[in-house]
Amino acid sequence: MGDVDASEGKADEGKTPEGKSSRRPDPKLLELLVCPLTKTALDYDAAAQELISPAARLAYPIRDGIPIMLPDEARKLPD
């Protein structure tokens, strides 16, 4: 009696409505990162938790505050 599951009610904590992590990457890290294909600057989309490469037309996901800079993991942007 009185036992409470510590994980109860925390499954969605720190998630956006789309289920993505809302943990923000280190701003200094974002300044250093460039697109691995074009070597150009990236734009941070906080709502989508993605780093956008306008030059490559790709959106690199950010998972748990960690940018996934693999072209195979990136989402292709519409023209």
PDB file of N, CA and C in Angstrom:
ATOM      1  N   MET A   1       0.833  -1.176   0.000  1.00  0.00           N
ATOM      2  CA  MET A   1       0.000   0.000   0.000  1.00  0.00           C
ATOM      3  C   MET A   1       0.881   1.243   0.000  1.00  0.00           C
ATOM      4  N   GLY A   2       0.501   2.256  -0.789  1.00  0.00           N
ATOM      5  CA  GLY A   2       1.290   3.466  -0.818  1.00  0.00           C
ATOM      6  C   GLY A   2       2.411   3.436  -1.842  1.00  0.00           C
ATOM      7  N   ASP A   3       2.606   2.278  -2.503  1.00  0.00           N
ATOM      8  CA  ASP A   3       3.648   2.210  -3.529  1.00  0.00           C
ATOM      9  C   ASP A   3       3.176   2.961  -4.777  1.00  0.00           C
ATOM     10  N   VAL A   4       4.073   3.780  -5.315  1.00  0.00           N
ATOM     11  CA  VAL A   4       3.768   4.538  -6.521  1.00  0.00           C
ATOM     12  C   VAL A   4       4.854   4.247  -7.533  1.00  0.00           C
ATOM     13  N   ASP A   5       4.437   3.928  -8.738  1.00  0.00           N
ATOM     14  CA  ASP A   5       5.389   3.688  -9.822  1.00  0.00           C
ATOM     15  C   ASP A   5       5.997   5.027 -10.223  1.00  0.00           C
ATOM     16  N   ALA A   6       7.304   5.169 -10.128  1.00  0.00           N
ATOM     17  CA  ALA A   6       7.995   6.423 -10.420  1.00  0.00           C
ATOM     18  C   ALA A   6       7.834   6.832 -11.874  1.00  0.00           C
ATOM     19  N   SER A   7       7.616   5.882 -12.763  1.00  0.00           N
ATOM     20  CA  SER A   7       7.489   6.218 -14.178  1.00  0.00           C
ATOM     21  C   SER A   7       6.060   6.570 -14.565  1.00  0.00           C
ATOM     22  N   GLU A   8       5.116   6.339 -13.660  1.00  0.00           N
ATOM     23  CA  GLU A   8       3.715   6.577 -13.957  1.00  0.00           C
ATOM     24  C   GLU A   8       3.467   8.052 -14.259  1.00  0.00           C
ATOM     25  N   GLY A   9       2.830   8.331 -15.400  1.00  0.00           N
ATOM     26  CA  GLY A   9       2.501   9.690 -15.771  1.00  0.00           C
ATOM     27  C   GLY A   9       3.654  10.480 -16.348  1.00  0.00           C
ATOM     28  N   LYS A  10       4.795   9.869 -16.542  1.00  0.00           N
ATOM     29  CA  LYS A  10       5.950  10.590 -17.055  1.00  0.00           C
ATOM     30  C   LYS A  10       6.317  10.191 -18.475  1.00  0.00           C
ATOM     31  N   ALA A  11       5.554   9.347 -19.094  1.00  0.00           N
ATOM     32  CA  ALA A  11       5.890   8.869 -20.434  1.00  0.00           C
ATOM     33  C   ALA A  11       5.929  10.003 -21.445  1.00  0.00           C
ATOM     34  N   ASP A  12       5.044  10.999 -21.281  1.00  0.00           N
ATOM     35  CA  ASP A  12       4.986  12.087 -22.244  1.00  0.00           C
ATOM     36  C   ASP A  12       5.755  13.314 -21.787  1.00  0.00           C
ATOM     37  N   GLU A  13       6.368  13.257 -20.621  1.00  0.00           N
ATOM     38  CA  GLU A  13       7.084  14.410 -20.101  1.00  0.00           C
ATOM     39  C   GLU A  13       8.255  14.754 -21.017  1.00  0.00           C
ATOM     40  N   GLY A  14       8.386  16.051 -21.370  1.00  0.00           N
ATOM     41  CA  GLY A  14       9.476  16.477 -22.233  1.00  0.00           C
ATOM     42  C   GLY A  14       9.244  16.186 -23.699  1.00  0.00           C
ATOM     43  N   LYS A  15       7.993  15.908 -24.065  1.00  0.00           N
ATOM     44  CA  LYS A  15       7.677  15.601 -25.469  1.00  0.00           C
ATOM     45  C   LYS A  15       6.786  16.684 -26.049  1.00  0.00           C
ATOM     46  N   THR A  16       6.926  16.924 -27.341  1.00  0.00           N
ATOM     47  CA  THR A  16       6.045  17.836 -28.054  1.00  0.00           C
ATOM     48  C   THR A  16       4.751  17.085 -28.342  1.00  0.00           C
ATOM     49  N   PRO A  17       3.701  17.791 -28.803  1.00  0.00           N
ATOM     50  CA  PRO A  17       2.462  17.081 -29.147  1.00  0.00           C
ATOM     51  C   PRO A  17       2.659  16.002 -30.207  1.00  0.00           C
ATOM     52  N   GLU A  18       3.693  16.151 -31.044  1.00  0.00           N
ATOM     53  CA  GLU A  18       3.970  15.144 -32.073  1.00  0.00           C
ATOM     54  C   GLU A  18       4.731  13.952 -31.501  1.00  0.00           C
ATOM     55  N   GLY A  19       5.056  13.995 -30.206  1.00  0.00           N
ATOM     56  CA  GLY A  19       5.775  12.899 -29.573  1.00  0.00           C
ATOM     57  C   GLY A  19       7.282  13.016 -29.661  1.00  0.00           C
ATOM     58  N   LYS A  20       7.781  14.166 -30.160  1.00  0.00           N
ATOM     59  CA  LYS A  20       9.220  14.366 -30.278  1.00  0.00           C
ATOM     60  C   LYS A  20       9.756  14.958 -28.986  1.00  0.00           C
ATOM     61  N   SER A  21      11.001  14.705 -28.705  1.00  0.00           N
ATOM     62  CA  SER A  21      11.642  15.249 -27.525  1.00  0.00           C
ATOM     63  C   SER A  21      11.739  16.765 -27.635  1.00  0.00           C
ATOM     64  N   SER A  22      11.451  17.460 -26.530  1.00  0.00           N
ATOM     65  CA  SER A  22      11.537  18.914 -26.546  1.00  0.00           C
ATOM     66  C   SER A  22      12.860  19.401 -25.977  1.00  0.00           C
ATOM     67  N   ARG A  23      13.740  18.491 -25.686  1.00  0.00           N
ATOM     68  CA  ARG A  23      15.039  18.846 -25.134  1.00  0.00           C
ATOM     69  C   ARG A  23      15.857  19.598 -26.179  1.00  0.00           C
ATOM     70  N   ARG A  24      16.251  20.824 -25.858  1.00  0.00           N
ATOM     71  CA  ARG A  24      16.957  21.681 -26.799  1.00  0.00           C
ATOM     72  C   ARG A  24      18.444  21.341 -26.823  1.00  0.00           C
ATOM     73  N   PRO A  25      19.016  21.249 -28.016  1.00  0.00           N
ATOM     74  CA  PRO A  25      20.458  21.018 -28.116  1.00  0.00           C
ATOM     75  C   PRO A  25      21.229  22.228 -27.595  1.00  0.00           C
ATOM     76  N   ASP A  26      22.452  22.031 -27.240  1.00  0.00           N
ATOM     77  CA  ASP A  26      23.323  23.103 -26.764  1.00  0.00           C
ATOM     78  C   ASP A  26      23.468  24.154 -27.868  1.00  0.00           C
ATOM     79  N   PRO A  27      23.153  25.427 -27.578  1.00  0.00           N
ATOM     80  CA  PRO A  27      23.259  26.477 -28.598  1.00  0.00           C
ATOM     81  C   PRO A  27      24.668  26.603 -29.198  1.00  0.00           C
ATOM     82  N   LYS A  28      25.694  26.358 -28.401  1.00  0.00           N
ATOM     83  CA  LYS A  28      27.065  26.433 -28.924  1.00  0.00           C
ATOM     84  C   LYS A  28      27.315  25.322 -29.937  1.00  0.00           C
ATOM     85  N   LEU A  29      26.735  24.159 -29.684  1.00  0.00           N
ATOM     86  CA  LEU A  29      26.861  23.040 -30.623  1.00  0.00           C
ATOM     87  C   LEU A  29      26.180  23.396 -31.943  1.00  0.00           C
ATOM     88  N   LEU A  30      24.997  24.009 -31.848  1.00  0.00           N
ATOM     89  CA  LEU A  30      24.268  24.377 -33.066  1.00  0.00           C
ATOM     90  C   LEU A  30      25.054  25.362 -33.922  1.00  0.00           C
ATOM     91  N   GLU A  31      25.818  26.237 -33.281  1.00  0.00           N
ATOM     92  CA  GLU A  31      26.633  27.199 -34.030  1.00  0.00           C
ATOM     93  C   GLU A  31      27.748  26.508 -34.826  1.00  0.00           C
ATOM     94  N   LEU A  32      28.229  25.389 -34.318  1.00  0.00           N
ATOM     95  CA  LEU A  32      29.349  24.683 -34.950  1.00  0.00           C
ATOM     96  C   LEU A  32      28.932  23.715 -36.056  1.00  0.00           C
ATOM     97  N   LEU A  33      27.713  23.207 -35.961  1.00  0.00           N
ATOM     98  CA  LEU A  33      27.273  22.189 -36.917  1.00  0.00           C
ATOM     99  C   LEU A  33      26.999  22.778 -38.292  1.00  0.00           C
ATOM    100  N   VAL A  34      27.363  22.012 -39.302  1.00  0.00           N
ATOM    101  CA  VAL A  34      27.048  22.340 -40.692  1.00  0.00           C
ATOM    102  C   VAL A  34      26.481  21.090 -41.358  1.00  0.00           C
ATOM    103  N   CYS A  35      25.849  21.279 -42.477  1.00  0.00           N
ATOM    104  CA  CYS A  35      25.320  20.148 -43.232  1.00  0.00           C
ATOM    105  C   CYS A  35      26.484  19.258 -43.668  1.00  0.00           C
ATOM    106  N   PRO A  36      26.404  17.956 -43.423  1.00  0.00           N
ATOM    107  CA  PRO A  36      27.507  17.070 -43.815  1.00  0.00           C
ATOM    108  C   PRO A  36      27.666  16.938 -45.332  1.00  0.00           C
ATOM    109  N   LEU A  37      26.635  17.262 -46.089  1.00  0.00           N
ATOM    110  CA  LEU A  37      26.721  17.156 -47.549  1.00  0.00           C
ATOM    111  C   LEU A  37      27.224  18.434 -48.198  1.00  0.00           C
ATOM    112  N   THR A  38      26.692  19.572 -47.754  1.00  0.00           N
ATOM    113  CA  THR A  38      27.009  20.837 -48.421  1.00  0.00           C
ATOM    114  C   THR A  38      27.995  21.704 -47.640  1.00  0.00           C
ATOM    115  N   LYS A  39      28.217  21.365 -46.389  1.00  0.00           N
ATOM    116  CA  LYS A  39      29.110  22.136 -45.489  1.00  0.00           C
ATOM    117  C   LYS A  39      28.602  23.566 -45.282  1.00  0.00           C
ATOM    118  N   THR A  40      27.277  23.758 -45.409  1.00  0.00           N
ATOM    119  CA  THR A  40      26.677  25.070 -45.200  1.00  0.00           C
ATOM    120  C   THR A  40      25.955  25.115 -43.849  1.00  0.00           C
ATOM    121  N   ALA A  41      25.622  26.329 -43.414  1.00  0.00           N
ATOM    122  CA  ALA A  41      24.955  26.540 -42.124  1.00  0.00           C
ATOM    123  C   ALA A  41      23.581  25.874 -42.104  1.00  0.00           C
ATOM    124  N   LEU A  42      23.143  25.552 -40.898  1.00  0.00           N
ATOM    125  CA  LEU A  42      21.848  24.914 -40.679  1.00  0.00           C
ATOM    126  C   LEU A  42      20.929  25.852 -39.912  1.00  0.00           C
ATOM    127  N   ASP A  43      19.635  25.730 -40.143  1.00  0.00           N
ATOM    128  CA  ASP A  43      18.625  26.491 -39.416  1.00  0.00           C
ATOM    129  C   ASP A  43      17.967  25.552 -38.409  1.00  0.00           C
ATOM    130  N   TYR A  44      17.788  26.046 -37.173  1.00  0.00           N
ATOM    131  CA  TYR A  44      17.174  25.240 -36.117  1.00  0.00           C
ATOM    132  C   TYR A  44      15.671  25.463 -36.116  1.00  0.00           C
ATOM    133  N   ASP A  45      14.905  24.389 -36.263  1.00  0.00           N
ATOM    134  CA  ASP A  45      13.445  24.433 -36.178  1.00  0.00           C
ATOM    135  C   ASP A  45      13.048  23.802 -34.849  1.00  0.00           C
ATOM    136  N   ALA A  46      12.789  24.653 -33.845  1.00  0.00           N
ATOM    137  CA  ALA A  46      12.489  24.166 -32.499  1.00  0.00           C
ATOM    138  C   ALA A  46      11.186  23.380 -32.459  1.00  0.00           C
ATOM    139  N   ALA A  47      10.181  23.819 -33.208  1.00  0.00           N
ATOM    140  CA  ALA A  47       8.884  23.150 -33.187  1.00  0.00           C
ATOM    141  C   ALA A  47       8.973  21.727 -33.726  1.00  0.00           C
ATOM    142  N   ALA A  48       9.729  21.544 -34.801  1.00  0.00           N
ATOM    143  CA  ALA A  48       9.860  20.220 -35.420  1.00  0.00           C
ATOM    144  C   ALA A  48      11.030  19.432 -34.853  1.00  0.00           C
ATOM    145  N   GLN A  49      11.882  20.078 -34.028  1.00  0.00           N
ATOM    146  CA  GLN A  49      13.089  19.454 -33.505  1.00  0.00           C
ATOM    147  C   GLN A  49      13.933  18.896 -34.647  1.00  0.00           C
ATOM    148  N   GLU A  50      14.286  19.815 -35.574  1.00  0.00           N
ATOM    149  CA  GLU A  50      15.095  19.458 -36.736  1.00  0.00           C
ATOM    150  C   GLU A  50      16.095  20.567 -37.025  1.00  0.00           C
ATOM    151  N   LEU A  51      17.178  20.181 -37.665  1.00  0.00           N
ATOM    152  CA  LEU A  51      18.131  21.121 -38.222  1.00  0.00           C
ATOM    153  C   LEU A  51      17.931  21.100 -39.730  1.00  0.00           C
ATOM    154  N   ILE A  52      17.634  22.257 -40.282  1.00  0.00           N
ATOM    155  CA  ILE A  52      17.283  22.363 -41.695  1.00  0.00           C
ATOM    156  C   ILE A  52      18.485  22.810 -42.512  1.00  0.00           C
ATOM    157  N   SER A  53      18.752  22.076 -43.591  1.00  0.00           N
ATOM    158  CA  SER A  53      19.776  22.463 -44.558  1.00  0.00           C
ATOM    159  C   SER A  53      19.067  22.936 -45.817  1.00  0.00           C
ATOM    160  N   PRO A  54      18.912  24.278 -45.975  1.00  0.00           N
ATOM    161  CA  PRO A  54      18.256  24.774 -47.184  1.00  0.00           C
ATOM    162  C   PRO A  54      19.003  24.374 -48.457  1.00  0.00           C
ATOM    163  N   ALA A  55      20.325  24.333 -48.395  1.00  0.00           N
ATOM    164  CA  ALA A  55      21.135  24.003 -49.575  1.00  0.00           C
ATOM    165  C   ALA A  55      20.911  22.567 -50.035  1.00  0.00           C
ATOM    166  N   ALA A  56      20.819  21.629 -49.097  1.00  0.00           N
ATOM    167  CA  ALA A  56      20.633  20.217 -49.442  1.00  0.00           C
ATOM    168  C   ALA A  56      19.156  19.822 -49.483  1.00  0.00           C
ATOM    169  N   ARG A  57      18.271  20.730 -49.028  1.00  0.00           N
ATOM    170  CA  ARG A  57      16.831  20.450 -48.941  1.00  0.00           C
ATOM    171  C   ARG A  57      16.566  19.231 -48.057  1.00  0.00           C
ATOM    172  N   LEU A  58      17.261  19.202 -46.899  1.00  0.00           N
ATOM    173  CA  LEU A  58      17.119  18.114 -45.929  1.00  0.00           C
ATOM    174  C   LEU A  58      16.854  18.679 -44.547  1.00  0.00           C
ATOM    175  N   ALA A  59      16.138  17.893 -43.736  1.00  0.00           N
ATOM    176  CA  ALA A  59      15.880  18.230 -42.341  1.00  0.00           C
ATOM    177  C   ALA A  59      16.433  17.102 -41.471  1.00  0.00           C
ATOM    178  N   TYR A  60      17.473  17.411 -40.715  1.00  0.00           N
ATOM    179  CA  TYR A  60      18.108  16.416 -39.845  1.00  0.00           C
ATOM    180  C   TYR A  60      17.377  16.387 -38.500  1.00  0.00           C
ATOM    181  N   PRO A  61      16.977  15.207 -38.034  1.00  0.00           N
ATOM    182  CA  PRO A  61      16.225  15.134 -36.774  1.00  0.00           C
ATOM    183  C   PRO A  61      17.111  15.382 -35.554  1.00  0.00           C
ATOM    184  N   ILE A  62      16.483  15.854 -34.503  1.00  0.00           N
ATOM    185  CA  ILE A  62      17.135  15.995 -33.199  1.00  0.00           C
ATOM    186  C   ILE A  62      16.385  15.073 -32.251  1.00  0.00           C
ATOM    187  N   ARG A  63      17.098  14.106 -31.700  1.00  0.00           N
ATOM    188  CA  ARG A  63      16.480  13.124 -30.793  1.00  0.00           C
ATOM    189  C   ARG A  63      17.119  13.235 -29.420  1.00  0.00           C
ATOM    190  N   ASP A  64      16.297  13.495 -28.424  1.00  0.00           N
ATOM    191  CA  ASP A  64      16.768  13.647 -27.041  1.00  0.00           C
ATOM    192  C   ASP A  64      17.885  14.680 -26.949  1.00  0.00           C
ATOM    193  N   GLY A  65      17.754  15.761 -27.730  1.00  0.00           N
ATOM    194  CA  GLY A  65      18.731  16.830 -27.693  1.00  0.00           C
ATOM    195  C   GLY A  65      19.983  16.577 -28.503  1.00  0.00           C
ATOM    196  N   ILE A  66      20.025  15.461 -29.221  1.00  0.00           N
ATOM    197  CA  ILE A  66      21.206  15.099 -30.006  1.00  0.00           C
ATOM    198  C   ILE A  66      20.885  15.171 -31.500  1.00  0.00           C
ATOM    199  N   PRO A  67      21.565  16.074 -32.226  1.00  0.00           N
ATOM    200  CA  PRO A  67      21.345  16.137 -33.673  1.00  0.00           C
ATOM    201  C   PRO A  67      21.859  14.867 -34.361  1.00  0.00           C
ATOM    202  N   ILE A  68      21.032  14.292 -35.202  1.00  0.00           N
ATOM    203  CA  ILE A  68      21.396  13.097 -35.965  1.00  0.00           C
ATOM    204  C   ILE A  68      21.804  13.579 -37.360  1.00  0.00           C
ATOM    205  N   MET A  69      23.110  13.698 -37.560  1.00  0.00           N
ATOM    206  CA  MET A  69      23.640  14.317 -38.781  1.00  0.00           C
ATOM    207  C   MET A  69      23.979  13.286 -39.859  1.00  0.00           C
ATOM    208  N   LEU A  70      23.114  12.340 -40.056  1.00  0.00           N
ATOM    209  CA  LEU A  70      23.288  11.318 -41.083  1.00  0.00           C
ATOM    210  C   LEU A  70      22.311  11.582 -42.216  1.00  0.00           C
ATOM    211  N   PRO A  71      22.798  11.771 -43.434  1.00  0.00           N
ATOM    212  CA  PRO A  71      21.885  12.030 -44.555  1.00  0.00           C
ATOM    213  C   PRO A  71      20.802  10.969 -44.719  1.00  0.00           C
ATOM    214  N   ASP A  72      21.115   9.717 -44.406  1.00  0.00           N
ATOM    215  CA  ASP A  72      20.115   8.648 -44.520  1.00  0.00           C
ATOM    216  C   ASP A  72      18.983   8.804 -43.512  1.00  0.00           C
ATOM    217  N   GLU A  73      19.226   9.510 -42.411  1.00  0.00           N
ATOM    218  CA  GLU A  73      18.213   9.730 -41.376  1.00  0.00           C
ATOM    219  C   GLU A  73      17.431  11.021 -41.613  1.00  0.00           C
ATOM    220  N   ALA A  74      17.897  11.857 -42.520  1.00  0.00           N
ATOM    221  CA  ALA A  74      17.273  13.161 -42.766  1.00  0.00           C
ATOM    222  C   ALA A  74      16.001  13.011 -43.592  1.00  0.00           C
ATOM    223  N   ARG A  75      15.097  13.950 -43.341  1.00  0.00           N
ATOM    224  CA  ARG A  75      13.839  14.017 -44.086  1.00  0.00           C
ATOM    225  C   ARG A  75      14.042  14.947 -45.274  1.00  0.00           C
ATOM    226  N   LYS A  76      13.601  14.507 -46.465  1.00  0.00           N
ATOM    227  CA  LYS A  76      13.714  15.352 -47.662  1.00  0.00           C
ATOM    228  C   LYS A  76      12.657  16.437 -47.592  1.00  0.00           C
ATOM    229  N   LEU A  77      13.060  17.662 -47.876  1.00  0.00           N
ATOM    230  CA  LEU A  77      12.140  18.788 -47.866  1.00  0.00           C
ATOM    231  C   LEU A  77      11.509  18.962 -49.245  1.00  0.00           C
ATOM    232  N   PRO A  78      10.266  19.391 -49.281  1.00  0.00           N
ATOM    233  CA  PRO A  78       9.636  19.645 -50.588  1.00  0.00           C
ATOM    234  C   PRO A  78      10.290  20.830 -51.285  1.00  0.00           C
ATOM    235  N   ASP A  79      10.237  20.827 -52.595  1.00  0.00           N
ATOM    236  CA  ASP A  79      10.840  21.929 -53.373  1.00  0.00           C
ATOM    237  C   ASP A  79      10.050  23.197 -53.263  1.00  0.00           C
TER     238      ASP A  79
END
